[in-house]
Amino acid sequence: MKLDVAPKPTDALVPTPIVHQTAFWGRVHRRLGFGIDAFDVAYGTPSEPAPRAHGDVLVVRAPLADGAECAYVPFGPELAPDPDHVGTFLERLSRELRPLLGPTCAFIRWDLPWVSLHARAPGDYADDGQWQGPPAPRLRELRMNFGTRDHNLWKAPRDLLPPDTLLVDLTASEDELLARMRPATRRNIRLAERRGVSVHEGTADDLPAWYALYVATMTRNQLEPLRLAHFATLLDERAEGSASPVVTRLLLARHEERLLAGLFLALAPERATYLYGASTRDRADLLPSYALQWAAMRRARAHGCHDYDLFGAAPHRDPHHPLAGVHQFKAGFGGRLVHREGCWDFPYDERTYTAWRTFEQSHVTGRAVGARHPT
């Protein structure tokens, strides 16, 4: 496999529907104190006179301990090899990046946006169309490392960004979008409107009230909240003047001036992404979350987005899955279920990586591991 990697300015990252691989995402995390790198990637076969495919990749440097770092690639690279060469491509790309990432980088973590190798064939699905789910991590590692030189790609102890999600096609009319939804979802959208729920775009002045709701939501779900500065930066940054700017919106659902729910919506070329949400349990009868998601879909469609990523769901219908309730709610909006590969690690410093992996495996509950987190 022929592979060429070269550093590039972060602001030159090409436009993409994946908000986490844009110059916008790089600028946000640089302002939050993370190290940011960008690289051009081109690959082909030795017999080809020129590379067959071109792309780029954004890398976020996350601190570990004792001066070591992890090179984290959120939903990248977008450029994907054919399924038979996924492991060899990742191994080669990891090796090519090693001298460019510096001596403090202990490992690179790829949060892959590609469809799972175990969700591509008819045999991966049951007779009712439900995905069987991935096999045990060790079996996944065997398949991923097939044909690699060192067999050193490891399934990360956990996925940082949602590996399973629902994508809603926005290319239809609003009437068609409503018709594709489940009857209960369509009814709840209309009920929320009749009961007086309104959705408006918030500003920086609204952020403290939303953040209080967000912290309460995260605490209720036993998850660690991000800092207020993270959301203030998201709302303020646009990456204007770069090759891949992104527009963000804070949408707030209210009833008689009372804040009931809110979400952060990212609008990149072709795709809108529901990044973060919060809601109160009070007045659930007003159905504010239904009004909020419908407003997000309408704004995304008006912006020219082709689809809407609801950003997280259970891998299949399972009443015992931790995301069962979230899945049922989101599935009502008529999206298709997508199964990504999730996080994969390639160690550079075996000792540091093994120590970090052991620590991470003992802290798999909650949202964040370590002092700082780049997602």
Protein backbone atom coordinates (compact mmCIF):
# COMPACT_ATOMS: atom_id res chain seq x y z
CA MET A 1 0.00 0.00 0.00
CA LYS A 2 1.34 3.42 -0.99
CA LEU A 3 0.62 6.06 1.65
CA ASP A 4 1.72 9.69 1.82
CA VAL A 5 1.18 11.86 4.93
CA ALA A 6 2.14 15.52 5.31
CA PRO A 7 1.36 18.24 7.88
CA LYS A 8 -1.03 20.99 6.82
CA PRO A 9 -2.52 24.11 8.45
CA THR A 10 -5.57 23.26 10.54
CA ASP A 11 -7.54 26.03 8.83
CA ALA A 12 -6.96 24.25 5.50
CA LEU A 13 -8.95 21.15 6.55
CA VAL A 14 -11.40 20.52 3.73
CA PRO A 15 -15.18 20.89 4.09
CA THR A 16 -16.84 17.74 5.41
CA PRO A 17 -20.19 16.69 6.85
CA ILE A 18 -18.28 15.41 9.92
CA VAL A 19 -18.14 18.42 12.25
CA HIS A 20 -15.44 16.74 14.39
CA GLN A 21 -13.02 16.82 11.44
CA THR A 22 -13.37 20.50 10.57
CA ALA A 23 -11.22 23.57 11.13
CA PHE A 24 -14.05 24.72 13.41
CA TRP A 25 -13.54 21.74 15.74
CA GLY A 26 -9.82 22.36 15.72
CA ARG A 27 -10.21 26.01 16.63
CA VAL A 28 -12.66 25.22 19.43
CA HIS A 29 -10.26 22.76 21.04
CA ARG A 30 -7.21 24.97 20.56
CA ARG A 31 -9.06 27.70 22.46
CA LEU A 32 -9.84 25.15 25.19
CA GLY A 33 -6.13 24.43 25.61
CA PHE A 34 -5.64 21.26 23.57
CA GLY A 35 -2.89 20.76 21.02
CA ILE A 36 -4.17 20.51 17.45
CA ASP A 37 -2.58 19.03 14.33
CA ALA A 38 -3.79 18.43 10.79
CA PHE A 39 -2.40 16.17 8.08
CA ASP A 40 -2.99 15.49 4.40
CA VAL A 41 -3.40 11.79 3.59
CA ALA A 42 -3.16 10.11 0.18
CA TYR A 43 -3.06 6.40 -0.54
CA GLY A 44 -3.00 3.89 -3.36
CA THR A 45 -1.09 0.79 -4.43
CA PRO A 46 2.62 0.60 -5.32
CA SER A 47 1.73 -0.07 -8.96
CA GLU A 48 -0.28 3.14 -9.30
CA PRO A 49 1.58 6.20 -10.65
CA ALA A 50 -0.41 8.52 -8.34
CA PRO A 51 -2.42 8.02 -5.14
CA ARG A 52 -5.96 6.82 -5.74
CA ALA A 53 -7.62 8.69 -2.87
CA HIS A 54 -6.96 11.92 -0.99
CA GLY A 55 -8.21 13.19 2.35
CA ASP A 56 -7.08 14.82 5.55
CA VAL A 57 -7.32 14.26 9.27
CA LEU A 58 -7.64 16.41 12.40
CA VAL A 59 -5.76 15.25 15.51
CA VAL A 60 -6.48 16.51 19.04
CA ARG A 61 -3.66 16.07 21.56
CA ALA A 62 -5.07 14.98 24.93
CA PRO A 63 -2.83 14.98 28.04
CA LEU A 64 -2.48 11.73 29.99
CA ALA A 65 0.00 11.77 32.90
CA ASP A 66 3.71 12.44 33.50
CA GLY A 67 3.94 14.56 30.36
CA ALA A 68 2.60 11.88 28.01
CA GLU A 69 -0.11 12.54 25.43
CA CYS A 70 -2.70 10.67 23.41
CA ALA A 71 -3.27 11.68 19.80
CA TYR A 72 -7.03 11.48 19.49
CA VAL A 73 -8.74 11.50 16.07
CA PRO A 74 -12.46 12.30 16.51
CA PHE A 75 -14.52 10.62 13.78
CA GLY A 76 -11.54 10.39 11.48
CA PRO A 77 -10.17 9.77 9.03
CA GLU A 78 -13.13 10.24 6.70
CA LEU A 79 -11.03 8.69 3.93
CA ALA A 80 -11.63 4.93 4.18
CA PRO A 81 -9.92 1.97 2.49
CA ASP A 82 -11.82 -1.02 1.18
CA PRO A 83 -13.02 -3.39 3.96
CA ASP A 84 -10.29 -5.96 3.27
CA HIS A 85 -7.53 -3.44 4.06
CA VAL A 86 -8.92 -1.50 7.02
CA GLY A 87 -6.37 -2.87 9.50
CA THR A 88 -3.34 -2.54 7.23
CA PHE A 89 -4.39 1.01 6.32
CA LEU A 90 -4.73 2.04 9.99
CA GLU A 91 -1.43 0.41 10.93
CA ARG A 92 0.42 2.11 8.08
CA LEU A 93 -1.20 5.48 8.77
CA SER A 94 -0.40 5.22 12.49
CA ARG A 95 3.24 4.44 11.68
CA GLU A 96 3.53 7.31 9.18
CA LEU A 97 2.16 9.73 11.78
CA ARG A 98 4.43 8.63 14.62
CA PRO A 99 7.43 10.88 13.84
CA LEU A 100 5.09 13.78 13.14
CA LEU A 101 3.36 13.51 16.52
CA GLY A 102 6.50 13.84 18.63
CA PRO A 103 8.16 11.82 21.40
CA THR A 104 5.52 12.48 24.09
CA CYS A 105 2.74 10.75 22.15
CA ALA A 106 2.11 7.36 23.81
CA PHE A 107 -0.58 6.15 21.41
CA ILE A 108 -3.01 7.27 18.74
CA ARG A 109 -6.73 6.65 19.19
CA TRP A 110 -8.84 6.46 16.06
CA ASP A 111 -12.54 7.15 16.69
CA LEU A 112 -13.51 5.69 13.33
CA PRO A 113 -16.54 7.02 11.40
CA TRP A 114 -16.55 4.01 9.07
CA VAL A 115 -19.36 1.45 9.04
CA SER A 116 -18.45 -1.47 11.30
CA LEU A 117 -16.81 -4.45 9.62
CA HIS A 118 -19.47 -6.52 11.40
CA ALA A 119 -22.45 -4.59 9.98
CA ARG A 120 -21.84 -4.91 6.24
CA ALA A 121 -23.13 -8.36 5.25
CA PRO A 122 -26.67 -9.84 5.35
CA GLY A 123 -25.43 -12.46 7.81
CA ASP A 124 -24.68 -9.69 10.31
CA TYR A 125 -28.42 -9.10 10.70
CA ALA A 126 -31.22 -11.26 12.10
CA ASP A 127 -34.28 -12.26 10.09
CA ASP A 128 -36.18 -9.26 11.47
CA GLY A 129 -33.48 -6.89 10.21
CA GLN A 130 -31.94 -6.21 13.60
CA TRP A 131 -28.19 -5.99 13.80
CA GLN A 132 -26.61 -8.86 15.69
CA GLY A 133 -24.03 -6.49 17.17
CA PRO A 134 -20.24 -6.82 17.12
CA PRO A 135 -18.50 -9.92 18.49
CA ALA A 136 -16.28 -9.86 21.59
CA PRO A 137 -13.40 -7.33 21.48
CA ARG A 138 -10.77 -10.05 21.06
CA LEU A 139 -12.50 -11.38 17.93
CA ARG A 140 -12.81 -7.84 16.59
CA GLU A 141 -9.08 -7.35 17.16
CA LEU A 142 -8.26 -10.55 15.29
CA ARG A 143 -10.21 -9.37 12.26
CA MET A 144 -8.88 -5.80 12.41
CA ASN A 145 -5.27 -7.02 12.62
CA PHE A 146 -5.58 -9.52 9.77
CA GLY A 147 -2.71 -8.86 7.36
CA THR A 148 -1.02 -6.28 9.58
CA ARG A 149 2.68 -6.45 10.33
CA ASP A 150 2.67 -6.17 14.11
CA HIS A 151 -0.92 -7.05 15.09
CA ASN A 152 -0.92 -4.02 17.36
CA LEU A 153 -4.37 -2.47 16.83
CA TRP A 154 -6.45 -2.67 20.02
CA LYS A 155 -10.13 -2.08 20.56
CA ALA A 156 -10.24 0.79 23.05
CA PRO A 157 -11.84 0.07 26.45
CA ARG A 158 -14.68 2.38 25.46
CA ASP A 159 -15.95 4.52 22.62
CA LEU A 160 -15.71 8.28 23.15
CA LEU A 161 -18.14 9.33 20.41
CA PRO A 162 -21.33 7.36 19.70
CA PRO A 163 -20.59 4.31 17.53
CA ASP A 164 -24.30 3.78 16.87
CA THR A 165 -26.53 6.59 15.68
CA LEU A 166 -29.61 7.47 13.68
CA LEU A 167 -29.35 9.56 10.51
CA VAL A 168 -32.49 11.36 9.31
CA ASP A 169 -32.73 12.11 5.59
CA LEU A 170 -33.62 15.81 5.22
CA THR A 171 -33.89 15.97 1.44
CA ALA A 172 -37.67 15.45 1.51
CA SER A 173 -40.32 18.11 2.16
CA GLU A 174 -41.44 18.86 5.72
CA ASP A 175 -44.69 17.00 5.10
CA GLU A 176 -42.74 13.96 3.93
CA LEU A 177 -40.44 14.15 6.95
CA LEU A 178 -43.45 14.13 9.24
CA ALA A 179 -45.02 11.26 7.31
CA ARG A 180 -41.88 9.12 7.81
CA MET A 181 -42.03 9.52 11.58
CA ARG A 182 -43.79 7.13 13.88
CA PRO A 183 -47.41 8.18 14.50
CA ALA A 184 -46.73 8.77 18.21
CA THR A 185 -43.78 11.06 17.42
CA ARG A 186 -45.80 13.05 14.89
CA ARG A 187 -48.64 13.37 17.38
CA ASN A 188 -46.31 14.51 20.17
CA ILE A 189 -44.79 17.23 17.98
CA ARG A 190 -48.25 18.63 17.35
CA LEU A 191 -49.30 18.27 20.98
CA ALA A 192 -46.24 20.21 22.16
CA GLU A 193 -47.19 23.07 19.85
CA ARG A 194 -50.82 23.05 20.96
CA ARG A 195 -49.77 23.05 24.61
CA GLY A 196 -47.79 26.22 24.12
CA VAL A 197 -44.18 25.01 23.80
CA SER A 198 -42.09 27.36 21.66
CA VAL A 199 -38.53 26.95 20.38
CA HIS A 200 -36.16 29.88 19.87
CA GLU A 201 -32.47 30.37 19.21
CA GLY A 202 -30.52 31.26 22.33
CA THR A 203 -27.53 33.54 22.74
CA ALA A 204 -24.56 33.67 25.09
CA ASP A 205 -26.86 35.35 27.63
CA ASP A 206 -28.97 32.17 27.74
CA LEU A 207 -26.00 29.88 28.27
CA PRO A 208 -25.90 29.91 32.11
CA ALA A 209 -29.56 28.83 32.34
CA TRP A 210 -29.02 26.09 29.76
CA TYR A 211 -25.85 24.97 31.49
CA ALA A 212 -27.64 24.58 34.82
CA LEU A 213 -30.17 22.35 33.06
CA TYR A 214 -27.32 20.41 31.41
CA VAL A 215 -25.51 19.80 34.71
CA ALA A 216 -28.76 18.57 36.28
CA THR A 217 -29.32 16.24 33.31
CA MET A 218 -25.79 14.82 33.48
CA THR A 219 -26.00 14.37 37.26
CA ARG A 220 -29.32 12.59 36.88
CA ASN A 221 -27.68 10.16 34.46
CA GLN A 222 -24.52 9.77 36.59
CA LEU A 223 -22.29 11.31 33.92
CA GLU A 224 -19.55 13.89 34.22
CA PRO A 225 -20.47 17.29 32.73
CA LEU A 226 -18.18 19.30 30.50
CA ARG A 227 -17.09 22.76 31.61
CA LEU A 228 -19.16 25.83 30.81
CA ALA A 229 -16.19 27.17 28.80
CA HIS A 230 -16.61 24.28 26.35
CA PHE A 231 -20.11 25.43 25.41
CA ALA A 232 -19.28 29.13 25.43
CA THR A 233 -16.49 28.43 22.93
CA LEU A 234 -18.76 26.26 20.77
CA LEU A 235 -21.30 29.06 20.59
CA ASP A 236 -18.74 31.78 19.90
CA GLU A 237 -16.46 30.08 17.35
CA ARG A 238 -17.28 29.94 13.63
CA ALA A 239 -13.83 29.27 12.10
CA GLU A 240 -14.49 32.12 9.66
CA GLY A 241 -11.80 32.45 7.03
CA SER A 242 -11.00 28.72 7.20
CA ALA A 243 -11.80 26.09 4.58
CA SER A 244 -14.32 24.33 6.86
CA PRO A 245 -16.35 26.73 9.02
CA VAL A 246 -19.36 25.49 10.99
CA VAL A 247 -22.43 27.28 12.31
CA THR A 248 -23.70 26.35 15.78
CA ARG A 249 -27.10 27.07 17.25
CA LEU A 250 -28.36 26.87 20.83
CA LEU A 251 -32.04 25.93 20.55
CA LEU A 252 -34.22 26.41 23.63
CA ALA A 253 -37.72 25.05 24.28
CA ARG A 254 -39.82 27.14 26.65
CA HIS A 255 -43.33 27.22 28.05
CA GLU A 256 -44.54 30.56 29.40
CA GLU A 257 -40.90 31.75 29.66
CA ARG A 258 -39.84 28.67 31.61
CA LEU A 259 -36.87 26.81 30.11
CA LEU A 260 -37.73 23.12 29.68
CA ALA A 261 -35.09 21.77 27.28
CA GLY A 262 -32.28 22.85 25.00
CA LEU A 263 -29.73 21.49 22.55
CA PHE A 264 -26.59 22.43 20.66
CA LEU A 265 -26.95 22.01 16.90
CA ALA A 266 -23.91 22.04 14.58
CA LEU A 267 -24.51 22.87 10.92
CA ALA A 268 -21.70 21.67 8.65
CA PRO A 269 -21.87 21.22 4.88
CA GLU A 270 -24.47 18.55 4.11
CA ARG A 271 -24.97 17.39 7.71
CA ALA A 272 -26.45 18.75 10.91
CA THR A 273 -25.40 17.15 14.20
CA TYR A 274 -27.17 17.13 17.55
CA LEU A 275 -24.14 17.62 19.79
CA TYR A 276 -25.45 18.12 23.35
CA GLY A 277 -28.86 18.24 24.97
CA ALA A 278 -30.48 18.89 28.33
CA SER A 279 -33.99 18.78 29.69
CA THR A 280 -35.97 18.91 32.90
CA ARG A 281 -38.17 16.08 34.12
CA ASP A 282 -40.79 18.60 35.20
CA ARG A 283 -43.75 19.12 32.89
CA ALA A 284 -42.92 16.13 30.73
CA ASP A 285 -46.57 16.32 29.63
CA LEU A 286 -45.62 19.37 27.52
CA LEU A 287 -43.31 17.19 25.37
CA PRO A 288 -40.62 19.87 24.85
CA SER A 289 -37.99 17.45 23.48
CA TYR A 290 -40.25 16.59 20.54
CA ALA A 291 -40.70 20.26 19.68
CA LEU A 292 -36.95 20.80 20.03
CA GLN A 293 -35.89 18.01 17.68
CA TRP A 294 -38.45 18.99 15.06
CA ALA A 295 -37.21 22.60 15.22
CA ALA A 296 -33.62 21.34 14.81
CA MET A 297 -34.58 19.31 11.75
CA ARG A 298 -36.38 22.26 10.17
CA ARG A 299 -33.46 24.62 10.75
CA ALA A 300 -30.99 22.07 9.40
CA ARG A 301 -33.08 21.57 6.28
CA ALA A 302 -33.38 25.34 5.75
CA HIS A 303 -29.58 25.59 6.10
CA GLY A 304 -29.18 23.14 3.21
CA CYS A 305 -28.16 20.06 5.21
CA HIS A 306 -28.93 16.71 3.58
CA ASP A 307 -29.17 14.72 6.79
CA TYR A 308 -29.38 15.06 10.57
CA ASP A 309 -27.26 12.99 12.92
CA LEU A 310 -29.17 12.34 16.15
CA PHE A 311 -25.80 11.43 17.68
CA GLY A 312 -26.25 8.30 19.71
CA ALA A 313 -28.60 5.34 19.97
CA ALA A 314 -28.62 1.73 21.11
CA PRO A 315 -27.19 -0.70 18.51
CA HIS A 316 -30.56 -2.47 18.29
CA ARG A 317 -33.92 -2.71 20.03
CA ASP A 318 -33.17 -3.98 23.52
CA PRO A 319 -35.26 -2.93 26.54
CA HIS A 320 -32.30 -3.65 28.83
CA HIS A 321 -29.75 -1.50 26.99
CA PRO A 322 -28.70 1.70 28.84
CA LEU A 323 -29.79 3.75 25.82
CA ALA A 324 -33.10 1.94 25.31
CA GLY A 325 -35.22 4.97 26.21
CA VAL A 326 -33.08 7.35 24.16
CA HIS A 327 -33.19 4.93 21.24
CA GLN A 328 -36.98 4.67 21.31
CA PHE A 329 -37.36 8.45 21.39
CA LYS A 330 -34.91 9.11 18.54
CA ALA A 331 -36.08 6.22 16.38
CA GLY A 332 -39.49 7.86 16.22
CA PHE A 333 -38.11 10.60 13.95
CA GLY A 334 -37.64 8.21 11.04
CA GLY A 335 -33.87 7.88 10.79
CA ARG A 336 -31.81 4.92 9.65
CA LEU A 337 -29.55 3.17 12.13
CA VAL A 338 -25.81 3.40 11.41
CA HIS A 339 -23.16 1.27 13.14
CA ARG A 340 -19.63 2.71 13.23
CA GLU A 341 -16.36 1.00 14.18
CA GLY A 342 -15.78 3.02 17.36
CA CYS A 343 -12.40 3.64 18.99
CA TRP A 344 -9.20 1.78 18.08
CA ASP A 345 -5.75 2.32 19.60
CA PHE A 346 -2.28 1.96 18.12
CA PRO A 347 0.43 2.16 20.84
CA TYR A 348 3.75 3.94 20.34
CA ASP A 349 4.96 3.62 23.92
CA GLU A 350 3.85 0.14 25.04
CA ARG A 351 4.53 0.69 28.74
CA THR A 352 2.63 3.97 29.00
CA TYR A 353 -0.22 2.64 26.86
CA THR A 354 -0.59 -0.53 28.95
CA ALA A 355 -0.72 1.52 32.16
CA TRP A 356 -3.27 3.91 30.68
CA ARG A 357 -5.39 1.10 29.26
CA THR A 358 -5.46 -0.63 32.67
CA PHE A 359 -6.52 2.64 34.31
CA GLU A 360 -9.17 3.27 31.68
CA GLN A 361 -10.60 -0.24 31.98
CA SER A 362 -11.13 0.36 35.70
CA HIS A 363 -12.98 3.63 35.00
CA VAL A 364 -15.30 2.68 32.16
CA THR A 365 -18.37 4.16 33.85
CA GLY A 366 -19.02 7.86 33.50
CA ARG A 367 -18.24 10.14 30.57
CA ALA A 368 -14.68 11.22 30.95
CA VAL A 369 -11.43 9.48 31.78
CA GLY A 370 -8.53 11.46 33.20
CA ALA A 371 -8.30 15.14 33.90
CA ARG A 372 -9.28 16.39 30.45
CA HIS A 373 -11.25 15.02 27.55
CA PRO A 374 -11.20 16.24 23.94
CA THR A 375 -14.70 15.34 22.67
